N, C-alpha and C. Protein backbone atom coordinates (compact mmCIF):
# COMPACT_ATOMS: atom_id res chain seq x y z
N MET A 1 96.32 87.59 154.75
CA MET A 1 96.44 88.77 153.92
C MET A 1 95.21 88.88 153.05
N VAL A 2 94.36 89.78 153.40
CA VAL A 2 93.12 89.97 152.67
C VAL A 2 93.41 90.64 151.34
N GLY A 3 92.87 90.12 150.27
CA GLY A 3 93.04 90.71 148.96
C GLY A 3 94.34 90.34 148.26
N ALA A 4 95.21 89.60 148.93
CA ALA A 4 96.50 89.25 148.34
C ALA A 4 96.33 88.34 147.13
N GLU A 5 95.31 87.49 147.15
CA GLU A 5 95.09 86.56 146.04
C GLU A 5 94.85 87.31 144.73
N ARG A 6 94.26 88.51 144.83
CA ARG A 6 93.96 89.29 143.65
C ARG A 6 95.22 89.72 142.91
N PHE A 7 96.32 89.92 143.61
CA PHE A 7 97.53 90.50 143.03
C PHE A 7 98.67 89.50 142.86
N LYS A 8 98.35 88.21 142.78
CA LYS A 8 99.40 87.20 142.74
C LYS A 8 100.38 87.38 141.60
N GLY A 9 99.95 87.82 140.44
CA GLY A 9 100.85 87.95 139.30
C GLY A 9 101.59 89.27 139.24
N CYS A 10 101.41 90.13 140.24
CA CYS A 10 102.02 91.45 140.20
C CYS A 10 103.53 91.37 140.34
N ALA A 11 104.21 92.28 139.63
CA ALA A 11 105.67 92.35 139.73
C ALA A 11 105.99 93.29 140.88
N GLY A 12 105.93 92.81 142.07
CA GLY A 12 106.24 93.63 143.23
C GLY A 12 106.37 92.77 144.46
N LEU A 13 106.73 93.38 145.55
CA LEU A 13 106.85 92.67 146.82
C LEU A 13 105.69 93.10 147.70
N TRP A 14 105.20 92.17 148.52
CA TRP A 14 104.08 92.50 149.39
C TRP A 14 104.58 93.10 150.69
N ASP A 15 103.87 94.09 151.17
CA ASP A 15 104.18 94.72 152.44
C ASP A 15 102.86 94.93 153.16
N SER A 16 102.70 94.29 154.30
CA SER A 16 101.43 94.43 155.02
C SER A 16 101.60 95.32 156.24
N GLY A 17 102.58 96.20 156.17
CA GLY A 17 102.89 97.04 157.33
C GLY A 17 101.86 98.13 157.59
N GLN A 18 102.00 98.76 158.73
CA GLN A 18 101.10 99.83 159.16
C GLN A 18 101.64 101.20 158.73
N SER A 19 102.59 101.23 157.77
CA SER A 19 103.30 102.47 157.48
C SER A 19 102.47 103.52 156.78
N SER A 20 101.38 103.16 156.17
CA SER A 20 100.62 104.16 155.42
C SER A 20 99.28 104.41 156.07
N SER A 21 99.09 105.63 156.53
CA SER A 21 97.79 105.95 157.13
C SER A 21 96.71 106.06 156.05
N LEU A 22 97.12 106.39 154.81
CA LEU A 22 96.15 106.47 153.73
C LEU A 22 95.55 105.12 153.41
N LEU A 23 96.37 104.08 153.52
CA LEU A 23 95.89 102.74 153.21
C LEU A 23 95.22 102.09 154.40
N GLY A 24 95.36 102.68 155.55
CA GLY A 24 94.74 102.14 156.74
C GLY A 24 95.26 100.77 157.10
N GLY A 25 96.55 100.54 156.86
CA GLY A 25 97.15 99.26 157.19
C GLY A 25 96.86 98.18 156.17
N ALA A 26 96.24 98.55 155.04
CA ALA A 26 95.93 97.57 154.00
C ALA A 26 97.21 97.17 153.27
N LEU A 27 97.08 96.17 152.45
CA LEU A 27 98.22 95.71 151.67
C LEU A 27 98.61 96.76 150.64
N ARG A 28 99.87 96.86 150.37
CA ARG A 28 100.34 97.75 149.31
C ARG A 28 101.44 97.04 148.53
N ILE A 29 101.62 97.45 147.31
CA ILE A 29 102.65 96.85 146.46
C ILE A 29 103.85 97.77 146.46
N VAL A 30 105.00 97.21 146.80
CA VAL A 30 106.25 97.95 146.77
C VAL A 30 106.99 97.50 145.52
N PRO A 31 107.29 98.41 144.62
CA PRO A 31 107.93 98.00 143.37
C PRO A 31 109.27 97.32 143.59
N ARG A 32 109.52 96.31 142.77
CA ARG A 32 110.78 95.60 142.80
C ARG A 32 111.82 96.43 142.07
N PRO A 33 113.05 96.51 142.55
CA PRO A 33 114.08 97.24 141.81
C PRO A 33 114.38 96.55 140.48
N ALA A 34 114.70 97.34 139.46
CA ALA A 34 115.01 96.79 138.14
C ALA A 34 116.30 95.99 138.21
N ARG A 35 116.38 94.94 137.40
CA ARG A 35 117.60 94.15 137.34
C ARG A 35 118.67 94.95 136.60
N ILE A 36 119.84 94.99 137.16
CA ILE A 36 120.93 95.71 136.53
C ILE A 36 122.01 94.71 136.19
N ARG A 37 122.46 94.73 134.94
CA ARG A 37 123.38 93.71 134.47
C ARG A 37 124.83 94.04 134.73
N SER A 38 125.23 95.31 134.67
CA SER A 38 126.65 95.55 134.83
C SER A 38 126.91 96.74 135.72
N MET A 39 127.49 96.52 136.84
CA MET A 39 128.03 97.51 137.75
C MET A 39 127.08 98.65 138.10
N GLY A 40 125.79 98.47 137.96
CA GLY A 40 124.83 99.44 138.44
C GLY A 40 124.68 100.72 137.65
N HIS A 41 125.25 100.82 136.49
CA HIS A 41 125.10 102.04 135.69
C HIS A 41 123.70 102.08 135.12
N PRO A 42 122.96 103.19 135.28
CA PRO A 42 121.55 103.23 134.87
C PRO A 42 121.32 103.01 133.39
N SER A 43 122.29 103.32 132.53
CA SER A 43 122.06 103.15 131.10
C SER A 43 122.25 101.71 130.65
N THR A 44 122.60 100.80 131.57
CA THR A 44 122.83 99.41 131.18
C THR A 44 121.77 98.48 131.74
N MET A 45 120.61 98.98 132.07
CA MET A 45 119.54 98.13 132.59
C MET A 45 118.95 97.30 131.47
N ASP A 46 118.67 96.05 131.77
CA ASP A 46 118.03 95.17 130.82
C ASP A 46 116.88 94.49 131.55
N LYS A 47 115.75 94.45 130.92
CA LYS A 47 114.57 93.87 131.57
C LYS A 47 114.60 92.35 131.54
N LEU A 48 115.51 91.78 130.76
CA LEU A 48 115.60 90.32 130.65
C LEU A 48 116.87 89.81 131.31
N THR A 49 116.83 88.58 131.77
CA THR A 49 118.03 87.96 132.30
C THR A 49 118.94 87.60 131.12
N PRO A 50 120.20 87.35 131.38
CA PRO A 50 121.09 86.97 130.28
C PRO A 50 120.61 85.73 129.52
N ALA A 51 120.03 84.77 130.21
CA ALA A 51 119.52 83.57 129.53
C ALA A 51 118.33 83.91 128.63
N GLU A 52 117.42 84.76 129.12
CA GLU A 52 116.27 85.17 128.31
C GLU A 52 116.71 85.98 127.09
N ARG A 53 117.68 86.87 127.28
CA ARG A 53 118.18 87.69 126.17
C ARG A 53 118.85 86.80 125.13
N SER A 54 119.63 85.84 125.57
CA SER A 54 120.32 84.92 124.67
C SER A 54 119.32 84.11 123.85
N GLU A 55 118.26 83.65 124.51
CA GLU A 55 117.23 82.86 123.82
C GLU A 55 116.54 83.71 122.75
N ARG A 56 116.23 84.95 123.07
CA ARG A 56 115.57 85.84 122.09
C ARG A 56 116.49 86.14 120.92
N MET A 57 117.76 86.43 121.21
CA MET A 57 118.69 86.77 120.14
C MET A 57 118.94 85.57 119.22
N SER A 58 118.86 84.36 119.75
CA SER A 58 119.11 83.17 118.93
C SER A 58 118.00 82.95 117.90
N ARG A 59 116.86 83.56 118.10
CA ARG A 59 115.73 83.40 117.17
C ARG A 59 115.80 84.34 115.97
N ILE A 60 116.71 85.30 115.99
CA ILE A 60 116.81 86.27 114.91
C ILE A 60 117.54 85.64 113.73
N ARG A 61 116.91 85.74 112.56
CA ARG A 61 117.47 85.12 111.37
C ARG A 61 118.02 86.18 110.43
N GLY A 62 118.88 85.74 109.53
CA GLY A 62 119.43 86.64 108.53
C GLY A 62 118.76 86.48 107.19
N ARG A 63 118.09 85.37 106.99
CA ARG A 63 117.42 85.08 105.72
C ARG A 63 115.99 84.65 105.99
N ASN A 64 115.17 84.80 104.95
CA ASN A 64 113.77 84.37 105.02
C ASN A 64 113.02 85.02 106.18
N THR A 65 113.32 86.29 106.42
CA THR A 65 112.61 87.03 107.45
C THR A 65 111.22 87.41 106.93
N LYS A 66 110.33 87.80 107.82
CA LYS A 66 108.98 88.19 107.39
C LYS A 66 109.00 89.33 106.38
N PRO A 67 109.78 90.40 106.63
CA PRO A 67 109.82 91.47 105.62
C PRO A 67 110.32 90.98 104.25
N GLU A 68 111.32 90.13 104.28
CA GLU A 68 111.85 89.60 103.02
C GLU A 68 110.81 88.75 102.30
N LEU A 69 110.10 87.93 103.03
CA LEU A 69 109.06 87.08 102.41
C LEU A 69 107.94 87.93 101.81
N ILE A 70 107.59 89.01 102.48
CA ILE A 70 106.55 89.91 101.95
C ILE A 70 107.00 90.52 100.63
N VAL A 71 108.25 91.00 100.58
CA VAL A 71 108.77 91.59 99.35
C VAL A 71 108.86 90.55 98.25
N ARG A 72 109.33 89.36 98.57
CA ARG A 72 109.44 88.30 97.56
C ARG A 72 108.07 87.96 96.97
N LYS A 73 107.08 87.86 97.81
CA LYS A 73 105.73 87.54 97.34
C LYS A 73 105.20 88.66 96.44
N LEU A 74 105.43 89.91 96.83
CA LEU A 74 104.99 91.05 96.04
C LEU A 74 105.69 91.09 94.68
N VAL A 75 107.01 90.92 94.68
CA VAL A 75 107.78 90.95 93.43
C VAL A 75 107.33 89.82 92.50
N HIS A 76 107.12 88.64 93.06
CA HIS A 76 106.68 87.49 92.26
C HIS A 76 105.30 87.75 91.67
N SER A 77 104.40 88.35 92.46
CA SER A 77 103.05 88.63 91.97
C SER A 77 103.06 89.68 90.85
N MET A 78 104.13 90.47 90.78
CA MET A 78 104.26 91.48 89.72
C MET A 78 104.83 90.87 88.44
N GLY A 79 105.19 89.59 88.48
CA GLY A 79 105.68 88.91 87.29
C GLY A 79 107.19 88.87 87.15
N PHE A 80 107.93 89.36 88.12
CA PHE A 80 109.38 89.34 88.06
C PHE A 80 109.91 88.07 88.72
N ARG A 81 110.92 87.48 88.11
CA ARG A 81 111.55 86.28 88.66
C ARG A 81 112.96 86.62 89.10
N TYR A 82 113.43 85.94 90.12
CA TYR A 82 114.68 86.33 90.76
C TYR A 82 115.37 85.12 91.36
N ARG A 83 116.61 85.31 91.76
CA ARG A 83 117.38 84.34 92.53
C ARG A 83 117.56 84.92 93.92
N LEU A 84 117.78 84.04 94.88
CA LEU A 84 117.92 84.46 96.28
C LEU A 84 119.38 84.39 96.74
N HIS A 85 119.82 85.40 97.44
CA HIS A 85 121.07 85.39 98.21
C HIS A 85 122.27 84.88 97.42
N LYS A 86 122.60 85.50 96.30
CA LYS A 86 123.77 85.08 95.53
C LYS A 86 125.03 85.47 96.29
N ARG A 87 125.73 84.47 96.77
CA ARG A 87 126.92 84.72 97.58
C ARG A 87 128.08 85.29 96.77
N GLU A 88 128.04 85.11 95.45
CA GLU A 88 129.12 85.63 94.62
C GLU A 88 129.12 87.16 94.58
N LEU A 89 127.99 87.76 94.86
CA LEU A 89 127.87 89.21 94.82
C LEU A 89 128.15 89.83 96.19
N PRO A 90 128.76 91.01 96.21
CA PRO A 90 129.02 91.67 97.50
C PRO A 90 127.73 91.93 98.26
N GLY A 91 127.74 91.63 99.54
CA GLY A 91 126.59 91.89 100.40
C GLY A 91 125.53 90.80 100.34
N CYS A 92 125.70 89.79 99.50
CA CYS A 92 124.74 88.69 99.36
C CYS A 92 123.30 89.23 99.29
N PRO A 93 122.95 89.94 98.20
CA PRO A 93 121.64 90.58 98.10
C PRO A 93 120.49 89.61 98.30
N ASP A 94 119.37 90.12 98.81
CA ASP A 94 118.22 89.28 99.09
C ASP A 94 117.54 88.79 97.82
N LEU A 95 117.36 89.66 96.84
CA LEU A 95 116.76 89.28 95.55
C LEU A 95 117.72 89.73 94.45
N VAL A 96 118.01 88.83 93.52
CA VAL A 96 118.95 89.13 92.44
C VAL A 96 118.25 88.88 91.10
N PHE A 97 118.30 89.89 90.24
CA PHE A 97 117.74 89.82 88.90
C PHE A 97 118.92 89.87 87.93
N SER A 98 119.51 88.72 87.66
CA SER A 98 120.78 88.65 86.93
C SER A 98 120.68 89.24 85.53
N ALA A 99 119.63 88.92 84.77
CA ALA A 99 119.51 89.40 83.39
C ALA A 99 119.41 90.93 83.36
N ARG A 100 118.83 91.51 84.36
CA ARG A 100 118.67 92.96 84.42
C ARG A 100 119.82 93.64 85.15
N ARG A 101 120.68 92.85 85.79
CA ARG A 101 121.79 93.35 86.61
C ARG A 101 121.27 94.31 87.69
N LYS A 102 120.26 93.83 88.40
CA LYS A 102 119.65 94.59 89.49
C LYS A 102 119.52 93.70 90.72
N VAL A 103 119.61 94.35 91.89
CA VAL A 103 119.46 93.61 93.15
C VAL A 103 118.56 94.41 94.09
N ILE A 104 117.91 93.70 94.99
CA ILE A 104 117.09 94.33 96.03
C ILE A 104 117.58 93.81 97.38
N PHE A 105 117.84 94.75 98.28
CA PHE A 105 118.15 94.43 99.67
C PHE A 105 116.91 94.76 100.50
N VAL A 106 116.52 93.88 101.40
CA VAL A 106 115.41 94.14 102.32
C VAL A 106 116.05 94.31 103.70
N HIS A 107 116.02 95.54 104.21
CA HIS A 107 116.69 95.86 105.47
C HIS A 107 115.68 96.07 106.59
N GLY A 108 116.00 95.51 107.75
CA GLY A 108 115.25 95.79 108.96
C GLY A 108 115.68 97.15 109.50
N CYS A 109 114.75 97.95 109.94
CA CYS A 109 115.06 99.31 110.40
C CYS A 109 116.03 99.31 111.58
N PHE A 110 115.91 98.34 112.48
CA PHE A 110 116.80 98.29 113.64
C PHE A 110 118.20 97.85 113.24
N TRP A 111 118.31 96.74 112.56
CA TRP A 111 119.61 96.13 112.28
C TRP A 111 120.46 96.93 111.32
N HIS A 112 119.83 97.77 110.50
CA HIS A 112 120.59 98.50 109.49
C HIS A 112 120.52 100.02 109.71
N LEU A 113 120.14 100.45 110.91
CA LEU A 113 120.15 101.85 111.32
C LEU A 113 119.41 102.76 110.35
N HIS A 114 118.12 102.54 110.20
CA HIS A 114 117.32 103.40 109.33
C HIS A 114 117.12 104.73 110.02
N GLU A 115 117.71 105.76 109.46
CA GLU A 115 117.64 107.09 110.06
C GLU A 115 116.25 107.70 109.87
N ASN A 116 115.84 108.48 110.84
CA ASN A 116 114.55 109.19 110.82
C ASN A 116 113.36 108.25 110.65
N CYS A 117 113.46 107.08 111.20
CA CYS A 117 112.39 106.09 111.11
C CYS A 117 111.69 106.02 112.46
N ARG A 118 110.37 106.09 112.45
CA ARG A 118 109.61 106.02 113.70
C ARG A 118 109.64 104.61 114.29
N GLN A 119 109.88 103.62 113.44
CA GLN A 119 109.86 102.23 113.89
C GLN A 119 111.18 101.86 114.58
N TYR A 120 112.25 102.60 114.30
CA TYR A 120 113.56 102.29 114.85
C TYR A 120 113.71 102.88 116.25
N ARG A 121 114.24 102.10 117.18
CA ARG A 121 114.51 102.57 118.53
C ARG A 121 115.87 102.06 118.96
N TYR A 122 116.73 102.96 119.40
CA TYR A 122 118.09 102.58 119.80
C TYR A 122 118.04 101.79 121.10
N PRO A 123 118.90 100.78 121.24
CA PRO A 123 118.90 99.96 122.47
C PRO A 123 119.19 100.80 123.71
N GLN A 124 118.67 100.36 124.83
CA GLN A 124 118.85 101.07 126.09
C GLN A 124 119.95 100.46 126.95
N SER A 125 120.41 99.27 126.60
CA SER A 125 121.44 98.61 127.40
C SER A 125 122.62 98.24 126.52
N ARG A 126 123.77 98.07 127.12
CA ARG A 126 125.01 97.67 126.43
C ARG A 126 125.28 98.57 125.22
N LEU A 127 125.23 99.84 125.44
CA LEU A 127 125.34 100.82 124.37
C LEU A 127 126.64 100.68 123.58
N ASP A 128 127.76 100.40 124.25
CA ASP A 128 129.02 100.27 123.54
C ASP A 128 128.97 99.09 122.56
N PHE A 129 128.41 97.97 122.98
CA PHE A 129 128.27 96.79 122.10
C PHE A 129 127.38 97.10 120.92
N TRP A 130 126.18 97.63 121.18
CA TRP A 130 125.22 97.85 120.10
C TRP A 130 125.67 98.93 119.13
N ASP A 131 126.30 99.98 119.65
CA ASP A 131 126.75 101.04 118.76
C ASP A 131 127.75 100.51 117.75
N SER A 132 128.75 99.77 118.22
CA SER A 132 129.76 99.25 117.28
C SER A 132 129.15 98.23 116.33
N LYS A 133 128.26 97.38 116.82
CA LYS A 133 127.65 96.35 115.96
C LYS A 133 126.79 96.98 114.86
N LEU A 134 125.93 97.91 115.23
CA LEU A 134 125.02 98.51 114.25
C LEU A 134 125.77 99.41 113.28
N GLN A 135 126.79 100.13 113.75
CA GLN A 135 127.59 100.95 112.85
C GLN A 135 128.35 100.08 111.86
N GLU A 136 128.84 98.94 112.30
CA GLU A 136 129.53 98.02 111.38
C GLU A 136 128.56 97.47 110.34
N ASN A 137 127.33 97.17 110.73
CA ASN A 137 126.32 96.74 109.75
C ASN A 137 126.13 97.81 108.69
N ARG A 138 126.02 99.06 109.12
CA ARG A 138 125.84 100.18 108.19
C ARG A 138 127.03 100.29 107.24
N ARG A 139 128.26 100.21 107.78
CA ARG A 139 129.46 100.31 106.93
C ARG A 139 129.50 99.17 105.91
N ARG A 140 129.16 97.97 106.35
CA ARG A 140 129.16 96.82 105.46
C ARG A 140 128.11 96.98 104.35
N ASP A 141 126.93 97.48 104.68
CA ASP A 141 125.89 97.72 103.68
C ASP A 141 126.37 98.73 102.64
N ASP A 142 126.95 99.83 103.10
CA ASP A 142 127.42 100.87 102.18
C ASP A 142 128.51 100.33 101.26
N ALA A 143 129.46 99.59 101.82
CA ALA A 143 130.56 99.04 101.03
C ALA A 143 130.04 98.06 99.97
N ALA A 144 129.06 97.24 100.34
CA ALA A 144 128.49 96.27 99.39
C ALA A 144 127.79 97.00 98.24
N GLN A 145 127.05 98.05 98.54
CA GLN A 145 126.36 98.79 97.49
C GLN A 145 127.34 99.50 96.56
N VAL A 146 128.40 100.07 97.10
CA VAL A 146 129.42 100.72 96.27
C VAL A 146 130.07 99.69 95.36
N ALA A 147 130.42 98.53 95.91
CA ALA A 147 131.06 97.47 95.11
C ALA A 147 130.13 96.99 94.00
N LEU A 148 128.85 96.82 94.31
CA LEU A 148 127.90 96.38 93.29
C LEU A 148 127.77 97.42 92.18
N LYS A 149 127.71 98.68 92.53
CA LYS A 149 127.60 99.74 91.52
C LYS A 149 128.85 99.78 90.63
N GLN A 150 130.01 99.55 91.23
CA GLN A 150 131.24 99.51 90.45
C GLN A 150 131.26 98.32 89.48
N MET A 151 130.55 97.27 89.84
CA MET A 151 130.47 96.08 88.98
C MET A 151 129.36 96.23 87.93
N GLY A 152 128.63 97.34 87.97
CA GLY A 152 127.59 97.59 86.98
C GLY A 152 126.19 97.14 87.39
N TRP A 153 125.97 96.91 88.66
CA TRP A 153 124.67 96.51 89.17
C TRP A 153 123.93 97.72 89.72
N GLN A 154 122.61 97.69 89.64
CA GLN A 154 121.78 98.71 90.27
C GLN A 154 121.18 98.11 91.54
N CYS A 155 121.10 98.94 92.59
CA CYS A 155 120.62 98.47 93.90
C CYS A 155 119.37 99.23 94.33
N LEU A 156 118.47 98.51 94.97
CA LEU A 156 117.31 99.10 95.62
C LEU A 156 117.28 98.58 97.04
N VAL A 157 117.18 99.49 98.01
CA VAL A 157 117.04 99.10 99.41
C VAL A 157 115.61 99.33 99.82
N ILE A 158 114.97 98.29 100.32
CA ILE A 158 113.60 98.39 100.84
C ILE A 158 113.69 98.24 102.34
N TRP A 159 113.18 99.25 103.04
CA TRP A 159 113.20 99.24 104.50
C TRP A 159 111.94 98.57 105.04
N GLU A 160 112.09 97.96 106.18
CA GLU A 160 110.98 97.26 106.84
C GLU A 160 109.75 98.16 107.01
N CYS A 161 109.98 99.43 107.33
CA CYS A 161 108.85 100.34 107.56
C CYS A 161 108.10 100.66 106.27
N GLN A 162 108.72 100.46 105.10
CA GLN A 162 108.06 100.73 103.83
C GLN A 162 106.99 99.68 103.51
N LEU A 163 107.00 98.57 104.21
CA LEU A 163 106.06 97.49 103.92
C LEU A 163 104.63 97.84 104.33
N ARG A 164 104.47 98.88 105.10
CA ARG A 164 103.12 99.27 105.54
C ARG A 164 102.25 99.73 104.38
N ASN A 165 102.86 100.43 103.42
CA ASN A 165 102.12 100.95 102.28
C ASN A 165 102.46 100.10 101.04
N LYS A 166 101.68 99.06 100.83
CA LYS A 166 101.97 98.09 99.77
C LYS A 166 101.89 98.72 98.37
N GLU A 167 100.95 99.63 98.16
CA GLU A 167 100.81 100.23 96.83
C GLU A 167 102.01 101.10 96.49
N ALA A 168 102.48 101.89 97.44
CA ALA A 168 103.67 102.72 97.21
C ALA A 168 104.88 101.84 96.98
N LEU A 169 104.98 100.74 97.73
CA LEU A 169 106.08 99.80 97.57
C LEU A 169 106.04 99.15 96.20
N ARG A 170 104.85 98.74 95.79
CA ARG A 170 104.68 98.13 94.46
C ARG A 170 105.15 99.10 93.36
N GLU A 171 104.79 100.38 93.49
CA GLU A 171 105.19 101.38 92.50
C GLU A 171 106.70 101.60 92.51
N THR A 172 107.29 101.64 93.70
CA THR A 172 108.75 101.80 93.82
C THR A 172 109.48 100.65 93.13
N ILE A 173 109.01 99.44 93.37
CA ILE A 173 109.64 98.26 92.76
C ILE A 173 109.45 98.30 91.25
N ARG A 174 108.25 98.61 90.79
CA ARG A 174 107.99 98.67 89.34
C ARG A 174 108.89 99.69 88.66
N GLU A 175 109.01 100.89 89.25
CA GLU A 175 109.88 101.91 88.67
C GLU A 175 111.33 101.44 88.62
N PHE A 176 111.79 100.81 89.69
CA PHE A 176 113.17 100.31 89.74
C PHE A 176 113.40 99.23 88.67
N MET A 177 112.46 98.31 88.55
CA MET A 177 112.66 97.20 87.62
C MET A 177 112.53 97.65 86.15
N GLU A 178 111.72 98.66 85.88
CA GLU A 178 111.53 99.10 84.50
C GLU A 178 112.51 100.19 84.07
N ARG A 179 113.25 100.72 85.02
CA ARG A 179 114.22 101.76 84.71
C ARG A 179 115.31 101.19 83.84
N GLU A 180 115.71 101.96 82.83
CA GLU A 180 116.80 101.54 81.95
C GLU A 180 118.10 101.53 82.75
N HIS A 181 119.01 100.66 82.33
CA HIS A 181 120.30 100.57 83.00
C HIS A 181 121.08 101.85 82.78
N GLU A 182 121.48 102.46 83.89
CA GLU A 182 122.24 103.70 83.80
C GLU A 182 123.67 103.42 83.36
N SER A 183 124.16 104.17 82.39
CA SER A 183 125.53 103.95 81.94
C SER A 183 126.49 104.67 82.87
N ALA A 184 127.63 104.03 83.11
CA ALA A 184 128.58 104.55 84.08
C ALA A 184 129.46 105.63 83.54
């Protein structure tokens, strides 16, 4: 097979047939069919095997994520001190400013369904699973914020996509931290 060595890493099957007069009997790549995980429905295609997907999902953390570390570093550089993940408070906020009765949540655009976000993309496979999971995350976030407000706390949600503009983020945090406590 002349030229086959050039395409060794290609995701396709080799066909050296005489079927194409345009190719003059040369080698051609025939695309491999996509892997389908459940009963052949086109909306449930996944590019990863179940083992690969499981390995990737196991790496996702709930604490000390990159966006959270960026916000923590920024807040600390602004001179504010905080506690992390107080379990006594609803929603276990990422940053807690007890003396000011303020909390900051750092949300990933995917996991917390950030609407109208260019960075967020809805999953293409297992739609029933992801829809219920992500909607439940949203409901839990909303309930935690309502409970905190009823307890007299002020909340700020920082979305992952907001981290791109550090100066605007710095100003948002400064305004939130310097704002007087709103009376209920």
